[in-house]
Amino acid sequence: MRIPLIVVMVLTCATVAFADAHEEAEVDAQTVEEEAEARPVRTPETKVAALFQGRCAACHSGEQPAAGLVLTTDGFRTAILDVPSVELEKLKIIDTETSDQSYLLMKVRGDKGIQGGRMPAGMPPLEDEEIQVIEEWIAFVIAARAAEAAEEEEGAAGAAAGAAAAGAAAAGAASEDASPADEDASPGETEGKKKP
């Protein structure tokens, strides 16, 4: 039986087209995965880091940052969390107990009572949405610290409960060592006896 040439050509073209479509689908799926991996996760931490880097680090970086304050992506946390302000030492740069009293927020909002001018100096003020990024990050830090404290508390409570249980077990073992016969005996009668 001979297969007509036209049928062979159609089948060949269909096979090639199917293979090409399959290969394109694999490439598209791979591209989507690569793009998803390349996109950074947007957390309050990454948002505020990007904001500080873009709007603050021009002045607040290098060997002599403005007001001694480093706001680069790799150094801002330790430089501002619960650290006293250089301008108003009674206030913390970022106060994780009373976030409204954070001096950095006061400076970017232009609140009364700040020393010097509103930040960023020599640039347009931060937009409300940008200030909200800072506020959300502070709330995120406060929540994370509260969760850590709760875990530590649970761990300490668990350790205390474990110690109490161990103490109770030791006391119970000690009371089992004394037999009822020994308790009724006079001290002279039990001196020569050895416990099994």
C-alpha atoms as a PDB file:
ATOM      1  CA  MET A   1       0.000   0.000   0.000  1.00  0.00           C
ATOM      2  CA  ARG A   2       1.354   3.304  -1.023  1.00  0.00           C
ATOM      3  CA  ILE A   3       0.619   6.486   0.913  1.00  0.00           C
ATOM      4  CA  PRO A   4       0.001   9.434  -1.344  1.00  0.00           C
ATOM      5  CA  LEU A   5       2.734  12.043  -1.244  1.00  0.00           C
ATOM      6  CA  ILE A   6       0.298  14.753  -0.229  1.00  0.00           C
ATOM      7  CA  VAL A   7      -0.647  12.841   2.945  1.00  0.00           C
ATOM      8  CA  VAL A   8       3.034  12.445   3.886  1.00  0.00           C
ATOM      9  CA  MET A   9       3.639  16.138   3.380  1.00  0.00           C
ATOM     10  CA  VAL A  10       0.601  17.124   5.481  1.00  0.00           C
ATOM     11  CA  LEU A  11       1.615  14.780   8.305  1.00  0.00           C
ATOM     12  CA  THR A  12       5.193  16.063   8.229  1.00  0.00           C
ATOM     13  CA  CYS A  13       4.062  19.678   8.372  1.00  0.00           C
ATOM     14  CA  ALA A  14       1.643  18.933  11.205  1.00  0.00           C
ATOM     15  CA  THR A  15       4.356  17.157  13.206  1.00  0.00           C
ATOM     16  CA  VAL A  16       6.805  20.032  12.759  1.00  0.00           C
ATOM     17  CA  ALA A  17       4.142  22.591  13.651  1.00  0.00           C
ATOM     18  CA  PHE A  18       3.186  20.629  16.773  1.00  0.00           C
ATOM     19  CA  ALA A  19       6.843  20.364  17.846  1.00  0.00           C
ATOM     20  CA  ASP A  20       7.379  24.098  17.317  1.00  0.00           C
ATOM     21  CA  ALA A  21       4.226  24.976  19.280  1.00  0.00           C
ATOM     22  CA  HIS A  22       5.256  22.652  22.108  1.00  0.00           C
ATOM     23  CA  GLU A  23       8.751  24.178  22.219  1.00  0.00           C
ATOM     24  CA  GLU A  24       7.297  27.723  22.247  1.00  0.00           C
ATOM     25  CA  ALA A  25       4.984  26.787  25.130  1.00  0.00           C
ATOM     26  CA  GLU A  26       7.945  25.455  27.116  1.00  0.00           C
ATOM     27  CA  VAL A  27       9.934  28.640  26.428  1.00  0.00           C
ATOM     28  CA  ASP A  28       6.941  30.809  27.435  1.00  0.00           C
ATOM     29  CA  ALA A  29       6.492  28.860  30.691  1.00  0.00           C
ATOM     30  CA  GLN A  30      10.199  29.168  31.443  1.00  0.00           C
ATOM     31  CA  THR A  31      10.128  32.906  30.715  1.00  0.00           C
ATOM     32  CA  VAL A  32       7.166  33.398  33.061  1.00  0.00           C
ATOM     33  CA  GLU A  33       8.996  31.494  35.821  1.00  0.00           C
ATOM     34  CA  GLU A  34      12.196  33.501  35.306  1.00  0.00           C
ATOM     35  CA  GLU A  35      10.287  36.786  35.358  1.00  0.00           C
ATOM     36  CA  ALA A  36       8.468  35.772  38.548  1.00  0.00           C
ATOM     37  CA  GLU A  37      11.765  34.882  40.216  1.00  0.00           C
ATOM     38  CA  ALA A  38      13.352  38.141  39.075  1.00  0.00           C
ATOM     39  CA  ARG A  39      10.546  40.250  40.555  1.00  0.00           C
ATOM     40  CA  PRO A  40      11.406  41.156  44.142  1.00  0.00           C
ATOM     41  CA  VAL A  41       8.940  40.320  46.879  1.00  0.00           C
ATOM     42  CA  ARG A  42       7.339  43.560  48.036  1.00  0.00           C
ATOM     43  CA  THR A  43       7.314  43.516  51.830  1.00  0.00           C
ATOM     44  CA  PRO A  44       7.186  46.571  54.102  1.00  0.00           C
ATOM     45  CA  GLU A  45      10.946  46.080  54.586  1.00  0.00           C
ATOM     46  CA  THR A  46      11.774  46.074  50.859  1.00  0.00           C
ATOM     47  CA  LYS A  47       9.409  48.979  50.197  1.00  0.00           C
ATOM     48  CA  VAL A  48      10.970  51.209  52.846  1.00  0.00           C
ATOM     49  CA  ALA A  49      14.484  50.181  51.779  1.00  0.00           C
ATOM     50  CA  ALA A  50      13.682  51.224  48.210  1.00  0.00           C
ATOM     51  CA  LEU A  51      12.155  54.494  49.435  1.00  0.00           C
ATOM     52  CA  PHE A  52      15.180  55.349  51.587  1.00  0.00           C
ATOM     53  CA  GLN A  53      17.567  54.409  48.794  1.00  0.00           C
ATOM     54  CA  GLY A  54      15.690  56.489  46.230  1.00  0.00           C
ATOM     55  CA  ARG A  55      14.758  59.529  48.286  1.00  0.00           C
ATOM     56  CA  CYS A  56      17.192  59.734  51.223  1.00  0.00           C
ATOM     57  CA  ALA A  57      20.485  57.966  50.524  1.00  0.00           C
ATOM     58  CA  ALA A  58      21.842  60.787  48.341  1.00  0.00           C
ATOM     59  CA  CYS A  59      22.510  62.750  51.545  1.00  0.00           C
ATOM     60  CA  HIS A  60      22.360  59.947  54.117  1.00  0.00           C
ATOM     61  CA  SER A  61      25.192  57.700  52.927  1.00  0.00           C
ATOM     62  CA  GLY A  62      28.945  57.614  52.553  1.00  0.00           C
ATOM     63  CA  GLU A  63      31.662  58.389  55.070  1.00  0.00           C
ATOM     64  CA  GLN A  64      29.987  61.545  56.386  1.00  0.00           C
ATOM     65  CA  PRO A  65      26.221  61.128  56.008  1.00  0.00           C
ATOM     66  CA  ALA A  66      23.957  64.055  56.908  1.00  0.00           C
ATOM     67  CA  ALA A  67      23.291  64.113  60.673  1.00  0.00           C
ATOM     68  CA  GLY A  68      25.418  60.950  60.918  1.00  0.00           C
ATOM     69  CA  LEU A  69      22.406  59.007  59.669  1.00  0.00           C
ATOM     70  CA  VAL A  70      22.877  56.194  57.130  1.00  0.00           C
ATOM     71  CA  LEU A  71      19.755  55.342  55.131  1.00  0.00           C
ATOM     72  CA  THR A  72      21.193  52.972  52.533  1.00  0.00           C
ATOM     73  CA  THR A  73      19.544  49.614  51.931  1.00  0.00           C
ATOM     74  CA  ASP A  74      22.239  47.720  53.804  1.00  0.00           C
ATOM     75  CA  GLY A  75      22.521  49.940  56.871  1.00  0.00           C
ATOM     76  CA  PHE A  76      19.295  51.707  57.686  1.00  0.00           C
ATOM     77  CA  ARG A  77      17.787  49.266  60.233  1.00  0.00           C
ATOM     78  CA  THR A  78      20.578  49.421  62.776  1.00  0.00           C
ATOM     79  CA  ALA A  79      21.018  53.154  62.216  1.00  0.00           C
ATOM     80  CA  ILE A  80      17.438  54.133  63.051  1.00  0.00           C
ATOM     81  CA  LEU A  81      15.560  51.565  65.157  1.00  0.00           C
ATOM     82  CA  ASP A  82      15.298  52.822  68.753  1.00  0.00           C
ATOM     83  CA  VAL A  83      18.368  55.036  68.267  1.00  0.00           C
ATOM     84  CA  PRO A  84      18.218  58.530  69.829  1.00  0.00           C
ATOM     85  CA  SER A  85      18.012  61.391  67.362  1.00  0.00           C
ATOM     86  CA  VAL A  86      21.078  63.623  67.093  1.00  0.00           C
ATOM     87  CA  GLU A  87      18.851  66.699  66.790  1.00  0.00           C
ATOM     88  CA  LEU A  88      16.428  65.869  69.637  1.00  0.00           C
ATOM     89  CA  GLU A  89      17.974  63.250  71.902  1.00  0.00           C
ATOM     90  CA  LYS A  90      14.741  62.781  73.880  1.00  0.00           C
ATOM     91  CA  LEU A  91      13.206  61.274  70.717  1.00  0.00           C
ATOM     92  CA  LYS A  92      14.254  58.138  68.894  1.00  0.00           C
ATOM     93  CA  ILE A  93      14.762  58.195  65.144  1.00  0.00           C
ATOM     94  CA  ILE A  94      12.270  55.334  64.872  1.00  0.00           C
ATOM     95  CA  ASP A  95      10.503  54.608  68.149  1.00  0.00           C
ATOM     96  CA  THR A  96       9.183  51.049  68.116  1.00  0.00           C
ATOM     97  CA  GLU A  97       7.146  51.635  71.269  1.00  0.00           C
ATOM     98  CA  THR A  98       5.485  54.927  70.325  1.00  0.00           C
ATOM     99  CA  SER A  99       5.668  55.130  66.548  1.00  0.00           C
ATOM    100  CA  ASP A 100       4.020  58.575  66.398  1.00  0.00           C
ATOM    101  CA  GLN A 101       6.989  59.907  68.377  1.00  0.00           C
ATOM    102  CA  SER A 102       9.467  58.695  65.753  1.00  0.00           C
ATOM    103  CA  TYR A 103      11.615  61.680  64.866  1.00  0.00           C
ATOM    104  CA  LEU A 104      12.123  60.527  61.280  1.00  0.00           C
ATOM    105  CA  LEU A 105       8.347  60.559  60.733  1.00  0.00           C
ATOM    106  CA  MET A 106       8.133  63.994  62.296  1.00  0.00           C
ATOM    107  CA  LYS A 107      10.869  65.256  59.949  1.00  0.00           C
ATOM    108  CA  VAL A 108       9.328  63.884  56.745  1.00  0.00           C
ATOM    109  CA  ARG A 109       5.868  65.162  57.738  1.00  0.00           C
ATOM    110  CA  GLY A 110       7.243  68.560  58.758  1.00  0.00           C
ATOM    111  CA  ASP A 111       5.675  68.365  62.242  1.00  0.00           C
ATOM    112  CA  LYS A 112       6.043  71.200  64.751  1.00  0.00           C
ATOM    113  CA  GLY A 113       8.907  70.834  67.189  1.00  0.00           C
ATOM    114  CA  ILE A 114      11.475  69.468  64.752  1.00  0.00           C
ATOM    115  CA  GLN A 115      14.944  70.987  64.532  1.00  0.00           C
ATOM    116  CA  GLY A 116      15.848  72.300  61.098  1.00  0.00           C
ATOM    117  CA  GLY A 117      13.606  71.856  58.101  1.00  0.00           C
ATOM    118  CA  ARG A 118      11.382  69.200  56.678  1.00  0.00           C
ATOM    119  CA  MET A 119      13.107  66.259  55.023  1.00  0.00           C
ATOM    120  CA  PRO A 120      14.228  65.528  52.407  1.00  0.00           C
ATOM    121  CA  ALA A 121      16.196  68.759  52.335  1.00  0.00           C
ATOM    122  CA  GLY A 122      16.341  70.541  48.991  1.00  0.00           C
ATOM    123  CA  MET A 123      13.896  68.117  47.389  1.00  0.00           C
ATOM    124  CA  PRO A 124      10.109  67.915  47.127  1.00  0.00           C
ATOM    125  CA  PRO A 125       8.495  66.574  50.298  1.00  0.00           C
ATOM    126  CA  LEU A 126       7.561  62.909  50.450  1.00  0.00           C
ATOM    127  CA  GLU A 127       4.124  62.097  49.088  1.00  0.00           C
ATOM    128  CA  ASP A 128       1.488  60.838  51.539  1.00  0.00           C
ATOM    129  CA  GLU A 129       1.875  57.350  50.043  1.00  0.00           C
ATOM    130  CA  GLU A 130       5.624  57.442  50.700  1.00  0.00           C
ATOM    131  CA  ILE A 131       5.096  58.493  54.310  1.00  0.00           C
ATOM    132  CA  GLN A 132       2.572  55.671  54.600  1.00  0.00           C
ATOM    133  CA  VAL A 133       5.292  53.219  53.462  1.00  0.00           C
ATOM    134  CA  ILE A 134       7.405  54.318  56.452  1.00  0.00           C
ATOM    135  CA  GLU A 135       4.433  54.074  58.824  1.00  0.00           C
ATOM    136  CA  GLU A 136       3.562  50.587  57.560  1.00  0.00           C
ATOM    137  CA  TRP A 137       7.175  49.478  57.953  1.00  0.00           C
ATOM    138  CA  ILE A 138       7.264  50.712  61.555  1.00  0.00           C
ATOM    139  CA  ALA A 139       4.020  48.811  62.263  1.00  0.00           C
ATOM    140  CA  PHE A 140       5.593  45.731  60.620  1.00  0.00           C
ATOM    141  CA  VAL A 141       8.692  46.008  62.843  1.00  0.00           C
ATOM    142  CA  ILE A 142       6.560  46.454  65.961  1.00  0.00           C
ATOM    143  CA  ALA A 143       4.444  43.402  65.083  1.00  0.00           C
ATOM    144  CA  ALA A 144       7.539  41.298  64.349  1.00  0.00           C
ATOM    145  CA  ARG A 145       9.120  42.277  67.669  1.00  0.00           C
ATOM    146  CA  ALA A 146       5.888  41.490  69.518  1.00  0.00           C
ATOM    147  CA  ALA A 147       5.777  38.057  67.868  1.00  0.00           C
ATOM    148  CA  GLU A 148       9.418  37.417  68.828  1.00  0.00           C
ATOM    149  CA  ALA A 149       8.723  38.466  72.418  1.00  0.00           C
ATOM    150  CA  ALA A 150       5.684  36.161  72.562  1.00  0.00           C
ATOM    151  CA  GLU A 151       7.776  33.250  71.266  1.00  0.00           C
ATOM    152  CA  GLU A 152      10.482  33.962  73.843  1.00  0.00           C
ATOM    153  CA  GLU A 153       7.829  34.173  76.560  1.00  0.00           C
ATOM    154  CA  GLU A 154       6.337  30.863  75.459  1.00  0.00           C
ATOM    155  CA  GLY A 155       9.809  29.334  75.425  1.00  0.00           C
ATOM    156  CA  ALA A 156      10.557  30.646  78.916  1.00  0.00           C
ATOM    157  CA  ALA A 157       7.170  29.449  80.187  1.00  0.00           C
ATOM    158  CA  GLY A 158       7.790  26.037  78.620  1.00  0.00           C
ATOM    159  CA  ALA A 159      11.240  25.873  80.214  1.00  0.00           C
ATOM    160  CA  ALA A 160       9.804  26.859  83.607  1.00  0.00           C
ATOM    161  CA  ALA A 161       7.068  24.235  83.271  1.00  0.00           C
ATOM    162  CA  GLY A 162       9.686  21.659  82.302  1.00  0.00           C
ATOM    163  CA  ALA A 163      11.809  22.574  85.316  1.00  0.00           C
ATOM    164  CA  ALA A 164       8.785  22.357  87.603  1.00  0.00           C
ATOM    165  CA  ALA A 165       7.878  18.954  86.172  1.00  0.00           C
ATOM    166  CA  ALA A 166      11.459  17.744  86.614  1.00  0.00           C
ATOM    167  CA  GLY A 167      11.459  19.012  90.199  1.00  0.00           C
ATOM    168  CA  ALA A 168       8.169  17.255  90.903  1.00  0.00           C
ATOM    169  CA  ALA A 169       9.478  14.043  89.370  1.00  0.00           C
ATOM    170  CA  ALA A 170      12.635  14.235  91.473  1.00  0.00           C
ATOM    171  CA  ALA A 171      10.589  14.833  94.618  1.00  0.00           C
ATOM    172  CA  GLY A 172       8.346  11.902  93.723  1.00  0.00           C
ATOM    173  CA  ALA A 173      11.353   9.630  93.193  1.00  0.00           C
ATOM    174  CA  ALA A 174      12.832  10.646  96.520  1.00  0.00           C
ATOM    175  CA  SER A 175       9.603   9.826  98.341  1.00  0.00           C
ATOM    176  CA  GLU A 176       9.468   6.406  96.655  1.00  0.00           C
ATOM    177  CA  ASP A 177      12.940   5.621  98.027  1.00  0.00           C
ATOM    178  CA  ALA A 178      11.643   5.766 101.598  1.00  0.00           C
ATOM    179  CA  SER A 179       9.651   2.585 102.306  1.00  0.00           C
ATOM    180  CA  PRO A 180       6.695   2.599 104.747  1.00  0.00           C
ATOM    181  CA  ALA A 181       8.495   0.143 107.025  1.00  0.00           C
ATOM    182  CA  ASP A 182      11.416   2.527 107.337  1.00  0.00           C
ATOM    183  CA  GLU A 183       9.138   5.428 108.256  1.00  0.00           C
ATOM    184  CA  ASP A 184       7.704   3.524 111.248  1.00  0.00           C
ATOM    185  CA  ALA A 185      11.086   2.295 112.416  1.00  0.00           C
ATOM    186  CA  SER A 186      13.160   4.177 114.931  1.00  0.00           C
ATOM    187  CA  PRO A 187      16.437   5.693 113.706  1.00  0.00           C
ATOM    188  CA  GLY A 188      18.483   2.958 115.349  1.00  0.00           C
ATOM    189  CA  GLU A 189      16.554   0.173 113.626  1.00  0.00           C
ATOM    190  CA  THR A 190      17.177   1.476 110.065  1.00  0.00           C
ATOM    191  CA  GLU A 191      20.903   2.257 110.393  1.00  0.00           C
ATOM    192  CA  GLY A 192      22.057  -1.264 109.685  1.00  0.00           C
ATOM    193  CA  LYS A 193      19.576  -1.885 106.861  1.00  0.00           C
ATOM    194  CA  LYS A 194      20.606  -1.499 103.284  1.00  0.00           C
ATOM    195  CA  LYS A 195      18.130  -0.533 100.641  1.00  0.00           C
ATOM    196  CA  PRO A 196      17.761  -2.930  97.770  1.00  0.00           C
END
